[in-house]
Amino acid sequence: MRLFPPAELRDHGSGRLQPSDDLWKLTAVNPPRSITLVNGRSGQEIVLAPDHVHHFTSSSPADTSCAGTLELTMRVDLTGEVPTISPIPSGPARVNAVTLHPSPAEVRRSWFAEHPSQVFLGVAISIVIAGGVAWKINDAQQAAALAKERRETAAQLEKEKRDAAAQREKETREAKEAVIKAISSGSHQIGSFLLNVQLHPERIDEEFAAHERNMTRIGDEMMKSNTALGQRDPAAADRMHVGPIRQLTETDTCLTAIYGRGGERRLHDLVEMRRRYLAAMADIATLLPAIADGRAVPKDFVVPC
């Protein structure tokens, strides 16, 4: 790019500063503090602050010699080994500078001296655009912000995914626990009925009526909870249905058949059923969680009818 006004170089013959319209290369951008330019001819380097830059104007499409012109509010002096920069006077300071240094040729070389109104406009604009328009030459900061936003979005999506998986796992676990609780309640109800009949045979009809009511309620709970489990883990629901639930249902059906026989034999068969049933269901009860998780298969047993 070129600088406007061009950098100056002191002529050793006349002792006056002469324009040196060199090409400069932007080598570093450190928003919002500074930019670094390197002279393409001499290799000299200058560092400019945001308010040293008025604005950047790109070259016409037909001009391929440089990217454009960087208009400055500072003069650049290349006379020494290390370049120096100094403010271009404006307003009263410009008048004083002309009075103290009344070199018409030097003043005429300054575009700002010939367009004082633009100097005041430039000051106002530089306050607004300092660290803005000039820094659009390099969009590294915007790219970094966009990359950060994308990382944060990806992290949020991953967290939501983990949370959703954890919630599904929690709901599945609760559904299994509900099925296990219903099966355990049914097993306990059958065991309680058989024990009460053995202890109080004279109350067998009353106990059986209460047993039927309880088993109807428990059966509904088993089916409802296992249906809910099937919506979250169909394989687990199938294991529970063909295993413990089926065995419990068949056992209760057998119990009802024995009760319906009547006579003295009925009581004998119910007591025998209790002895065999307790051992069989004890094995099943210990396996219920493992059966639900697929770590064990239900043990078949002969319903003691």
C-alpha atoms as a PDB file:
ATOM      1  CA  MET A   1       0.000   0.000   0.000  1.00  0.00           C
ATOM      2  CA  ARG A   2       0.989   3.661  -0.271  1.00  0.00           C
ATOM      3  CA  LEU A   3       0.893   6.275   2.474  1.00  0.00           C
ATOM      4  CA  PHE A   4      -0.801   9.639   2.198  1.00  0.00           C
ATOM      5  CA  PRO A   5       0.833  12.001   2.753  1.00  0.00           C
ATOM      6  CA  PRO A   6       3.917  10.105   1.516  1.00  0.00           C
ATOM      7  CA  ALA A   7       6.823   9.529   3.872  1.00  0.00           C
ATOM      8  CA  GLU A   8       9.583  12.130   3.619  1.00  0.00           C
ATOM      9  CA  LEU A   9      13.346  11.874   3.256  1.00  0.00           C
ATOM     10  CA  ARG A  10      15.737  14.805   3.848  1.00  0.00           C
ATOM     11  CA  ASP A  11      17.717  15.864   0.800  1.00  0.00           C
ATOM     12  CA  HIS A  12      21.352  16.279   1.825  1.00  0.00           C
ATOM     13  CA  GLY A  13      21.933  18.927  -0.862  1.00  0.00           C
ATOM     14  CA  SER A  14      19.104  21.320   0.023  1.00  0.00           C
ATOM     15  CA  GLY A  15      18.524  20.081   3.552  1.00  0.00           C
ATOM     16  CA  ARG A  16      14.819  19.977   2.918  1.00  0.00           C
ATOM     17  CA  LEU A  17      12.421  17.063   3.284  1.00  0.00           C
ATOM     18  CA  GLN A  18      11.324  15.524   0.002  1.00  0.00           C
ATOM     19  CA  PRO A  19       8.394  13.102  -0.533  1.00  0.00           C
ATOM     20  CA  SER A  20       9.364   9.448  -0.851  1.00  0.00           C
ATOM     21  CA  ASP A  21       6.320   7.745  -2.363  1.00  0.00           C
ATOM     22  CA  ASP A  22       7.319   4.162  -1.472  1.00  0.00           C
ATOM     23  CA  LEU A  23       5.220   1.036  -1.139  1.00  0.00           C
ATOM     24  CA  TRP A  24       4.616  -0.238   2.376  1.00  0.00           C
ATOM     25  CA  LYS A  25       3.650  -3.705   3.596  1.00  0.00           C
ATOM     26  CA  LEU A  26       1.319  -4.389   6.523  1.00  0.00           C
ATOM     27  CA  THR A  27       3.150  -7.002   8.628  1.00  0.00           C
ATOM     28  CA  ALA A  28       1.324  -6.983  11.969  1.00  0.00           C
ATOM     29  CA  VAL A  29      -2.091  -6.044  13.346  1.00  0.00           C
ATOM     30  CA  ASN A  30      -2.578  -5.855  17.099  1.00  0.00           C
ATOM     31  CA  PRO A  31      -6.156  -4.614  17.625  1.00  0.00           C
ATOM     32  CA  PRO A  32      -6.956  -2.270  19.135  1.00  0.00           C
ATOM     33  CA  ARG A  33      -3.449  -0.923  19.901  1.00  0.00           C
ATOM     34  CA  SER A  34      -1.265  -0.786  16.804  1.00  0.00           C
ATOM     35  CA  ILE A  35      -0.352  -1.845  13.287  1.00  0.00           C
ATOM     36  CA  THR A  36       3.152  -2.352  11.896  1.00  0.00           C
ATOM     37  CA  LEU A  37       4.234  -1.244   8.409  1.00  0.00           C
ATOM     38  CA  VAL A  38       7.522  -2.029   6.634  1.00  0.00           C
ATOM     39  CA  ASN A  39       8.960   0.148   3.852  1.00  0.00           C
ATOM     40  CA  GLY A  40       9.345  -1.948   0.697  1.00  0.00           C
ATOM     41  CA  ARG A  41      12.403  -0.011  -0.471  1.00  0.00           C
ATOM     42  CA  SER A  42      14.438   0.582   2.690  1.00  0.00           C
ATOM     43  CA  GLY A  43      13.059  -2.131   4.999  1.00  0.00           C
ATOM     44  CA  GLN A  44      12.450   0.496   7.700  1.00  0.00           C
ATOM     45  CA  GLU A  45       9.582  -0.220  10.092  1.00  0.00           C
ATOM     46  CA  ILE A  46       6.997   2.065  11.708  1.00  0.00           C
ATOM     47  CA  VAL A  47       4.340   1.301  14.317  1.00  0.00           C
ATOM     48  CA  LEU A  48       1.104   3.312  14.181  1.00  0.00           C
ATOM     49  CA  ALA A  49      -1.627   3.733  16.790  1.00  0.00           C
ATOM     50  CA  PRO A  50      -5.346   3.767  15.813  1.00  0.00           C
ATOM     51  CA  ASP A  51      -5.606   7.566  15.868  1.00  0.00           C
ATOM     52  CA  HIS A  52      -2.603   7.817  13.532  1.00  0.00           C
ATOM     53  CA  VAL A  53      -4.801   6.384  10.778  1.00  0.00           C
ATOM     54  CA  HIS A  54      -7.473   8.474   9.069  1.00  0.00           C
ATOM     55  CA  HIS A  55      -8.789   5.713   6.812  1.00  0.00           C
ATOM     56  CA  PHE A  56      -7.841   3.209   4.126  1.00  0.00           C
ATOM     57  CA  THR A  57      -8.929   3.580   0.501  1.00  0.00           C
ATOM     58  CA  SER A  58      -8.525   0.646  -1.870  1.00  0.00           C
ATOM     59  CA  SER A  59      -6.960   1.082  -5.301  1.00  0.00           C
ATOM     60  CA  SER A  60      -9.051   1.080  -8.451  1.00  0.00           C
ATOM     61  CA  PRO A  61      -9.522  -2.338 -10.067  1.00  0.00           C
ATOM     62  CA  ALA A  62      -7.204  -1.264 -12.896  1.00  0.00           C
ATOM     63  CA  ASP A  63      -4.341  -0.412 -10.515  1.00  0.00           C
ATOM     64  CA  THR A  64      -2.459  -3.570  -9.577  1.00  0.00           C
ATOM     65  CA  SER A  65       0.601  -1.843  -8.152  1.00  0.00           C
ATOM     66  CA  CYS A  66      -0.747  -1.819  -4.588  1.00  0.00           C
ATOM     67  CA  ALA A  67      -3.792  -2.641  -2.501  1.00  0.00           C
ATOM     68  CA  GLY A  68      -4.626   0.995  -1.816  1.00  0.00           C
ATOM     69  CA  THR A  69      -3.701   4.114   0.137  1.00  0.00           C
ATOM     70  CA  LEU A  70      -3.543   4.476   3.911  1.00  0.00           C
ATOM     71  CA  GLU A  71      -4.280   8.086   4.846  1.00  0.00           C
ATOM     72  CA  LEU A  72      -2.477   9.174   8.002  1.00  0.00           C
ATOM     73  CA  THR A  73      -2.719  11.967  10.553  1.00  0.00           C
ATOM     74  CA  MET A  74       1.067  11.763  11.083  1.00  0.00           C
ATOM     75  CA  ARG A  75       4.156  12.630   9.028  1.00  0.00           C
ATOM     76  CA  VAL A  76       6.712   9.869   8.563  1.00  0.00           C
ATOM     77  CA  ASP A  77      10.394  10.908   8.336  1.00  0.00           C
ATOM     78  CA  LEU A  78      12.733   8.258   6.877  1.00  0.00           C
ATOM     79  CA  THR A  79      15.936  10.322   7.183  1.00  0.00           C
ATOM     80  CA  GLY A  80      17.359   8.453  10.175  1.00  0.00           C
ATOM     81  CA  GLU A  81      18.023   4.744  10.504  1.00  0.00           C
ATOM     82  CA  VAL A  82      14.935   4.533  12.686  1.00  0.00           C
ATOM     83  CA  PRO A  83      11.987   6.416  11.140  1.00  0.00           C
ATOM     84  CA  THR A  84      10.239   9.074  13.193  1.00  0.00           C
ATOM     85  CA  ILE A  85       6.634  10.164  13.119  1.00  0.00           C
ATOM     86  CA  SER A  86       5.163  13.526  14.072  1.00  0.00           C
ATOM     87  CA  PRO A  87       1.631  14.938  14.042  1.00  0.00           C
ATOM     88  CA  ILE A  88       0.356  16.872  11.061  1.00  0.00           C
ATOM     89  CA  PRO A  89      -0.833  20.140  12.660  1.00  0.00           C
ATOM     90  CA  SER A  90      -4.495  21.056  12.485  1.00  0.00           C
ATOM     91  CA  GLY A  91      -6.549  24.102  13.488  1.00  0.00           C
ATOM     92  CA  PRO A  92      -4.639  26.729  15.544  1.00  0.00           C
ATOM     93  CA  ALA A  93      -1.716  24.348  15.805  1.00  0.00           C
ATOM     94  CA  ARG A  94      -1.465  24.340  11.995  1.00  0.00           C
ATOM     95  CA  VAL A  95      -1.340  28.183  11.912  1.00  0.00           C
ATOM     96  CA  ASN A  96       1.348  28.282  14.595  1.00  0.00           C
ATOM     97  CA  ALA A  97       3.358  25.648  12.809  1.00  0.00           C
ATOM     98  CA  VAL A  98       3.272  27.679   9.581  1.00  0.00           C
ATOM     99  CA  THR A  99       4.331  30.811  11.486  1.00  0.00           C
ATOM    100  CA  LEU A 100       7.241  29.059  13.155  1.00  0.00           C
ATOM    101  CA  HIS A 101       8.286  27.214  10.021  1.00  0.00           C
ATOM    102  CA  PRO A 102       7.280  29.463   7.110  1.00  0.00           C
ATOM    103  CA  SER A 103       8.616  27.245   4.347  1.00  0.00           C
ATOM    104  CA  PRO A 104       6.064  27.705   1.511  1.00  0.00           C
ATOM    105  CA  ALA A 105       7.436  24.793  -0.452  1.00  0.00           C
ATOM    106  CA  GLU A 106       7.145  22.447   2.538  1.00  0.00           C
ATOM    107  CA  VAL A 107       3.673  23.689   3.425  1.00  0.00           C
ATOM    108  CA  ARG A 108       2.512  23.245  -0.165  1.00  0.00           C
ATOM    109  CA  ARG A 109       3.665  19.661  -0.098  1.00  0.00           C
ATOM    110  CA  SER A 110       1.188  18.990   2.673  1.00  0.00           C
ATOM    111  CA  TRP A 111      -2.206  18.134   1.344  1.00  0.00           C
ATOM    112  CA  PHE A 112      -3.664  19.088   4.712  1.00  0.00           C
ATOM    113  CA  ALA A 113      -2.384  22.638   4.445  1.00  0.00           C
ATOM    114  CA  GLU A 114      -4.264  23.060   1.203  1.00  0.00           C
ATOM    115  CA  HIS A 115      -7.491  21.475   2.567  1.00  0.00           C
ATOM    116  CA  PRO A 116      -7.831  22.685   6.174  1.00  0.00           C
ATOM    117  CA  SER A 117     -11.530  21.805   6.350  1.00  0.00           C
ATOM    118  CA  GLN A 118     -10.674  18.182   5.712  1.00  0.00           C
ATOM    119  CA  VAL A 119      -8.309  18.232   8.674  1.00  0.00           C
ATOM    120  CA  PHE A 120     -11.118  19.034  11.085  1.00  0.00           C
ATOM    121  CA  LEU A 121     -13.339  16.443   9.432  1.00  0.00           C
ATOM    122  CA  GLY A 122     -10.528  13.915   9.653  1.00  0.00           C
ATOM    123  CA  VAL A 123     -10.140  14.509  13.393  1.00  0.00           C
ATOM    124  CA  ALA A 124     -13.850  13.911  13.958  1.00  0.00           C
ATOM    125  CA  ILE A 125     -13.873  10.819  11.810  1.00  0.00           C
ATOM    126  CA  SER A 126     -10.721   9.406  13.390  1.00  0.00           C
ATOM    127  CA  ILE A 127     -12.363   9.572  16.828  1.00  0.00           C
ATOM    128  CA  VAL A 128     -15.290   7.502  15.540  1.00  0.00           C
ATOM    129  CA  ILE A 129     -13.374   5.010  13.433  1.00  0.00           C
ATOM    130  CA  ALA A 130     -10.230   4.646  15.535  1.00  0.00           C
ATOM    131  CA  GLY A 131      -9.604   0.949  15.849  1.00  0.00           C
ATOM    132  CA  GLY A 132     -12.452   0.283  13.405  1.00  0.00           C
ATOM    133  CA  VAL A 133     -12.151   0.937   9.670  1.00  0.00           C
ATOM    134  CA  ALA A 134      -8.360   0.766   9.686  1.00  0.00           C
ATOM    135  CA  TRP A 135      -8.446  -2.630  11.346  1.00  0.00           C
ATOM    136  CA  LYS A 136     -10.718  -4.107   8.722  1.00  0.00           C
ATOM    137  CA  ILE A 137      -7.542  -4.702   6.751  1.00  0.00           C
ATOM    138  CA  ASN A 138      -7.187  -7.780   8.921  1.00  0.00           C
ATOM    139  CA  ASP A 139     -10.204  -9.700  10.285  1.00  0.00           C
ATOM    140  CA  ALA A 140      -8.286 -12.021  12.590  1.00  0.00           C
ATOM    141  CA  GLN A 141     -10.141 -10.795  15.663  1.00  0.00           C
ATOM    142  CA  GLN A 142     -13.528 -11.422  14.059  1.00  0.00           C
ATOM    143  CA  ALA A 143     -12.437 -14.878  12.935  1.00  0.00           C
ATOM    144  CA  ALA A 144     -11.249 -15.699  16.466  1.00  0.00           C
ATOM    145  CA  ALA A 145     -14.564 -14.544  17.939  1.00  0.00           C
ATOM    146  CA  LEU A 146     -16.491 -16.650  15.427  1.00  0.00           C
ATOM    147  CA  ALA A 147     -14.351 -19.691  16.189  1.00  0.00           C
ATOM    148  CA  LYS A 148     -14.942 -19.208  19.898  1.00  0.00           C
ATOM    149  CA  GLU A 149     -18.699 -18.940  19.355  1.00  0.00           C
ATOM    150  CA  ARG A 150     -18.672 -22.150  17.318  1.00  0.00           C
ATOM    151  CA  ARG A 151     -16.729 -23.980  20.032  1.00  0.00           C
ATOM    152  CA  GLU A 152     -19.147 -22.791  22.698  1.00  0.00           C
ATOM    153  CA  THR A 153     -22.132 -23.823  20.547  1.00  0.00           C
ATOM    154  CA  ALA A 154     -20.630 -27.271  19.946  1.00  0.00           C
ATOM    155  CA  ALA A 155     -19.933 -27.661  23.678  1.00  0.00           C
ATOM    156  CA  GLN A 156     -23.515 -26.652  24.520  1.00  0.00           C
ATOM    157  CA  LEU A 157     -24.944 -29.136  22.007  1.00  0.00           C
ATOM    158  CA  GLU A 158     -22.728 -31.895  23.412  1.00  0.00           C
ATOM    159  CA  LYS A 159     -23.880 -31.066  26.955  1.00  0.00           C
ATOM    160  CA  GLU A 160     -27.539 -31.153  25.882  1.00  0.00           C
ATOM    161  CA  LYS A 161     -26.907 -34.507  24.212  1.00  0.00           C
ATOM    162  CA  ARG A 162     -25.329 -35.924  27.391  1.00  0.00           C
ATOM    163  CA  ASP A 163     -28.155 -34.522  29.526  1.00  0.00           C
ATOM    164  CA  ALA A 164     -30.784 -36.077  27.231  1.00  0.00           C
ATOM    165  CA  ALA A 165     -29.022 -39.456  27.363  1.00  0.00           C
ATOM    166  CA  ALA A 166     -28.809 -39.258  31.156  1.00  0.00           C
ATOM    167  CA  GLN A 167     -32.514 -38.386  31.366  1.00  0.00           C
ATOM    168  CA  ARG A 168     -33.446 -41.358  29.138  1.00  0.00           C
ATOM    169  CA  GLU A 169     -31.311 -43.661  31.271  1.00  0.00           C
ATOM    170  CA  LYS A 170     -32.965 -42.321  34.437  1.00  0.00           C
ATOM    171  CA  GLU A 171     -36.474 -42.833  33.027  1.00  0.00           C
ATOM    172  CA  THR A 172     -35.613 -46.381  31.891  1.00  0.00           C
ATOM    173  CA  ARG A 173     -34.192 -47.234  35.309  1.00  0.00           C
ATOM    174  CA  GLU A 174     -37.303 -45.894  37.046  1.00  0.00           C
ATOM    175  CA  ALA A 175     -39.542 -47.902  34.663  1.00  0.00           C
ATOM    176  CA  LYS A 176     -37.637 -51.117  35.479  1.00  0.00           C
ATOM    177  CA  GLU A 177     -37.905 -50.405  39.186  1.00  0.00           C
ATOM    178  CA  ALA A 178     -41.675 -49.913  38.833  1.00  0.00           C
ATOM    179  CA  VAL A 179     -42.064 -53.302  37.094  1.00  0.00           C
ATOM    180  CA  ILE A 180     -39.889 -55.047  39.701  1.00  0.00           C
ATOM    181  CA  LYS A 181     -41.909 -53.428  42.488  1.00  0.00           C
ATOM    182  CA  ALA A 182     -45.219 -54.620  40.965  1.00  0.00           C
ATOM    183  CA  ILE A 183     -43.930 -58.189  40.479  1.00  0.00           C
ATOM    184  CA  SER A 184     -42.583 -58.243  44.032  1.00  0.00           C
ATOM    185  CA  SER A 185     -45.944 -57.031  45.322  1.00  0.00           C
ATOM    186  CA  GLY A 186     -47.719 -59.826  43.428  1.00  0.00           C
ATOM    187  CA  SER A 187     -45.302 -62.449  44.750  1.00  0.00           C
ATOM    188  CA  HIS A 188     -45.740 -61.154  48.285  1.00  0.00           C
ATOM    189  CA  GLN A 189     -49.540 -61.213  47.915  1.00  0.00           C
ATOM    190  CA  ILE A 190     -49.575 -64.869  46.832  1.00  0.00           C
ATOM    191  CA  GLY A 191     -47.205 -65.809  49.657  1.00  0.00           C
ATOM    192  CA  SER A 192     -49.324 -63.926  52.218  1.00  0.00           C
ATOM    193  CA  PHE A 193     -52.539 -65.598  51.042  1.00  0.00           C
ATOM    194  CA  LEU A 194     -51.038 -69.078  51.272  1.00  0.00           C
ATOM    195  CA  LEU A 195     -49.616 -68.361  54.736  1.00  0.00           C
ATOM    196  CA  ASN A 196     -52.916 -66.976  56.041  1.00  0.00           C
ATOM    197  CA  VAL A 197     -54.792 -70.016  54.699  1.00  0.00           C
ATOM    198  CA  GLN A 198     -52.360 -72.341  56.488  1.00  0.00           C
ATOM    199  CA  LEU A 199     -52.666 -70.398  59.765  1.00  0.00           C
ATOM    200  CA  HIS A 200     -56.417 -69.724  59.561  1.00  0.00           C
ATOM    201  CA  PRO A 201     -58.059 -72.349  57.333  1.00  0.00           C
ATOM    202  CA  GLU A 202     -61.498 -71.375  58.611  1.00  0.00           C
ATOM    203  CA  ARG A 203     -61.125 -67.972  56.902  1.00  0.00           C
ATOM    204  CA  ILE A 204     -60.148 -69.348  53.508  1.00  0.00           C
ATOM    205  CA  ASP A 205     -63.111 -67.834  51.628  1.00  0.00           C
ATOM    206  CA  GLU A 206     -62.600 -64.390  53.167  1.00  0.00           C
ATOM    207  CA  GLU A 207     -58.849 -64.515  52.478  1.00  0.00           C
ATOM    208  CA  PHE A 208     -59.388 -65.607  48.864  1.00  0.00           C
ATOM    209  CA  ALA A 209     -61.845 -62.762  48.181  1.00  0.00           C
ATOM    210  CA  ALA A 210     -59.313 -60.227  49.482  1.00  0.00           C
ATOM    211  CA  HIS A 211     -56.575 -61.968  47.513  1.00  0.00           C
ATOM    212  CA  GLU A 212     -58.529 -61.684  44.249  1.00  0.00           C
ATOM    213  CA  ARG A 213     -59.084 -57.945  44.745  1.00  0.00           C
ATOM    214  CA  ASN A 214     -55.407 -57.338  45.498  1.00  0.00           C
ATOM    215  CA  MET A 215     -54.171 -59.438  42.578  1.00  0.00           C
ATOM    216  CA  THR A 216     -56.477 -57.608  40.161  1.00  0.00           C
ATOM    217  CA  ARG A 217     -54.977 -54.305  41.263  1.00  0.00           C
ATOM    218  CA  ILE A 218     -51.405 -55.646  41.187  1.00  0.00           C
ATOM    219  CA  GLY A 219     -51.967 -57.226  37.767  1.00  0.00           C
ATOM    220  CA  ASP A 220     -53.059 -53.864  36.369  1.00  0.00           C
ATOM    221  CA  GLU A 221     -49.956 -52.235  37.880  1.00  0.00           C
ATOM    222  CA  MET A 222     -47.701 -54.911  36.330  1.00  0.00           C
ATOM    223  CA  MET A 223     -49.167 -54.466  32.868  1.00  0.00           C
ATOM    224  CA  LYS A 224     -49.123 -50.662  33.046  1.00  0.00           C
ATOM    225  CA  SER A 225     -45.546 -50.438  34.306  1.00  0.00           C
ATOM    226  CA  ASN A 226     -44.280 -53.028  31.821  1.00  0.00           C
ATOM    227  CA  THR A 227     -45.977 -51.159  28.965  1.00  0.00           C
ATOM    228  CA  ALA A 228     -44.189 -47.981  30.071  1.00  0.00           C
ATOM    229  CA  LEU A 229     -40.910 -49.923  30.189  1.00  0.00           C
ATOM    230  CA  GLY A 230     -41.571 -51.175  26.643  1.00  0.00           C
ATOM    231  CA  GLN A 231     -41.630 -47.584  25.383  1.00  0.00           C
ATOM    232  CA  ARG A 232     -38.085 -47.050  26.678  1.00  0.00           C
ATOM    233  CA  ASP A 233     -36.511 -50.524  26.550  1.00  0.00           C
ATOM    234  CA  PRO A 234     -38.597 -53.017  24.539  1.00  0.00           C
ATOM    235  CA  ALA A 235     -36.127 -55.877  25.092  1.00  0.00           C
ATOM    236  CA  ALA A 236     -36.298 -55.473  28.884  1.00  0.00           C
ATOM    237  CA  ALA A 237     -40.102 -55.386  28.766  1.00  0.00           C
ATOM    238  CA  ASP A 238     -40.138 -58.627  26.726  1.00  0.00           C
ATOM    239  CA  ARG A 239     -37.824 -60.335  29.232  1.00  0.00           C
ATOM    240  CA  MET A 240     -40.047 -59.346  32.136  1.00  0.00           C
ATOM    241  CA  HIS A 241     -43.223 -60.371  30.316  1.00  0.00           C
ATOM    242  CA  VAL A 242     -42.125 -63.871  29.254  1.00  0.00           C
ATOM    243  CA  GLY A 243     -40.322 -64.434  32.552  1.00  0.00           C
ATOM    244  CA  PRO A 244     -41.433 -63.225  36.000  1.00  0.00           C
ATOM    245  CA  ILE A 245     -44.767 -61.713  34.944  1.00  0.00           C
ATOM    246  CA  ARG A 246     -45.862 -64.878  33.099  1.00  0.00           C
ATOM    247  CA  GLN A 247     -44.727 -67.111  35.963  1.00  0.00           C
ATOM    248  CA  LEU A 248     -46.534 -64.986  38.527  1.00  0.00           C
ATOM    249  CA  THR A 249     -49.723 -64.931  36.443  1.00  0.00           C
ATOM    250  CA  GLU A 250     -49.681 -68.713  35.886  1.00  0.00           C
ATOM    251  CA  THR A 251     -49.052 -69.300  39.591  1.00  0.00           C
ATOM    252  CA  ASP A 252     -52.074 -67.183  40.547  1.00  0.00           C
ATOM    253  CA  THR A 253     -54.179 -69.010  37.946  1.00  0.00           C
ATOM    254  CA  CYS A 254     -53.101 -72.325  39.511  1.00  0.00           C
ATOM    255  CA  LEU A 255     -53.930 -71.003  42.986  1.00  0.00           C
ATOM    256  CA  THR A 256     -57.426 -70.070  41.813  1.00  0.00           C
ATOM    257  CA  ALA A 257     -57.901 -73.552  40.298  1.00  0.00           C
ATOM    258  CA  ILE A 258     -56.894 -75.267  43.546  1.00  0.00           C
ATOM    259  CA  TYR A 259     -59.223 -73.044  45.570  1.00  0.00           C
ATOM    260  CA  GLY A 260     -62.088 -73.949  43.285  1.00  0.00           C
ATOM    261  CA  ARG A 261     -61.724 -77.682  43.981  1.00  0.00           C
ATOM    262  CA  GLY A 262     -63.260 -77.396  47.405  1.00  0.00           C
ATOM    263  CA  GLY A 263     -63.137 -80.074  50.085  1.00  0.00           C
ATOM    264  CA  GLU A 264     -60.373 -81.106  52.447  1.00  0.00           C
ATOM    265  CA  ARG A 265     -57.980 -81.743  49.559  1.00  0.00           C
ATOM    266  CA  ARG A 266     -58.016 -78.056  48.704  1.00  0.00           C
ATOM    267  CA  LEU A 267     -56.360 -77.015  51.949  1.00  0.00           C
ATOM    268  CA  HIS A 268     -53.729 -79.733  51.621  1.00  0.00           C
ATOM    269  CA  ASP A 269     -52.869 -78.663  48.089  1.00  0.00           C
ATOM    270  CA  LEU A 270     -52.613 -74.979  49.059  1.00  0.00           C
ATOM    271  CA  VAL A 271     -50.196 -75.790  51.897  1.00  0.00           C
ATOM    272  CA  GLU A 272     -48.098 -77.915  49.529  1.00  0.00           C
ATOM    273  CA  MET A 273     -48.233 -75.158  46.959  1.00  0.00           C
ATOM    274  CA  ARG A 274     -46.889 -72.676  49.491  1.00  0.00           C
ATOM    275  CA  ARG A 275     -43.919 -74.900  50.266  1.00  0.00           C
ATOM    276  CA  ARG A 276     -42.950 -75.299  46.624  1.00  0.00           C
ATOM    277  CA  TYR A 277     -43.888 -71.777  45.576  1.00  0.00           C
ATOM    278  CA  LEU A 278     -41.790 -69.981  48.185  1.00  0.00           C
ATOM    279  CA  ALA A 279     -38.609 -71.734  47.057  1.00  0.00           C
ATOM    280  CA  ALA A 280     -39.280 -71.078  43.382  1.00  0.00           C
ATOM    281  CA  MET A 281     -40.233 -67.415  43.756  1.00  0.00           C
ATOM    282  CA  ALA A 282     -37.310 -66.739  46.100  1.00  0.00           C
ATOM    283  CA  ASP A 283     -34.958 -67.670  43.259  1.00  0.00           C
ATOM    284  CA  ILE A 284     -36.846 -65.445  40.819  1.00  0.00           C
ATOM    285  CA  ALA A 285     -36.973 -62.467  43.191  1.00  0.00           C
ATOM    286  CA  THR A 286     -33.177 -62.397  43.557  1.00  0.00           C
ATOM    287  CA  LEU A 287     -32.820 -62.299  39.778  1.00  0.00           C
ATOM    288  CA  LEU A 288     -35.385 -59.587  39.001  1.00  0.00           C
ATOM    289  CA  PRO A 289     -32.900 -56.663  38.563  1.00  0.00           C
ATOM    290  CA  ALA A 290     -30.524 -58.842  36.519  1.00  0.00           C
ATOM    291  CA  ILE A 291     -33.389 -60.074  34.329  1.00  0.00           C
ATOM    292  CA  ALA A 292     -34.509 -56.485  33.694  1.00  0.00           C
ATOM    293  CA  ASP A 293     -30.959 -55.462  32.690  1.00  0.00           C
ATOM    294  CA  GLY A 294     -30.446 -58.553  30.516  1.00  0.00           C
ATOM    295  CA  ARG A 295     -27.677 -59.943  32.741  1.00  0.00           C
ATOM    296  CA  ALA A 296     -29.663 -63.075  33.574  1.00  0.00           C
ATOM    297  CA  VAL A 297     -32.484 -65.129  32.112  1.00  0.00           C
ATOM    298  CA  PRO A 298     -35.575 -66.087  34.101  1.00  0.00           C
ATOM    299  CA  LYS A 299     -35.555 -69.612  35.529  1.00  0.00           C
ATOM    300  CA  ASP A 300     -38.448 -71.780  34.450  1.00  0.00           C
ATOM    301  CA  PHE A 301     -40.280 -73.642  37.193  1.00  0.00           C
ATOM    302  CA  VAL A 302     -43.221 -75.993  37.189  1.00  0.00           C
ATOM    303  CA  VAL A 303     -46.317 -74.297  38.529  1.00  0.00           C
ATOM    304  CA  PRO A 304     -47.340 -76.447  41.490  1.00  0.00           C
ATOM    305  CA  CYS A 305     -50.964 -77.165  40.575  1.00  0.00           C
END
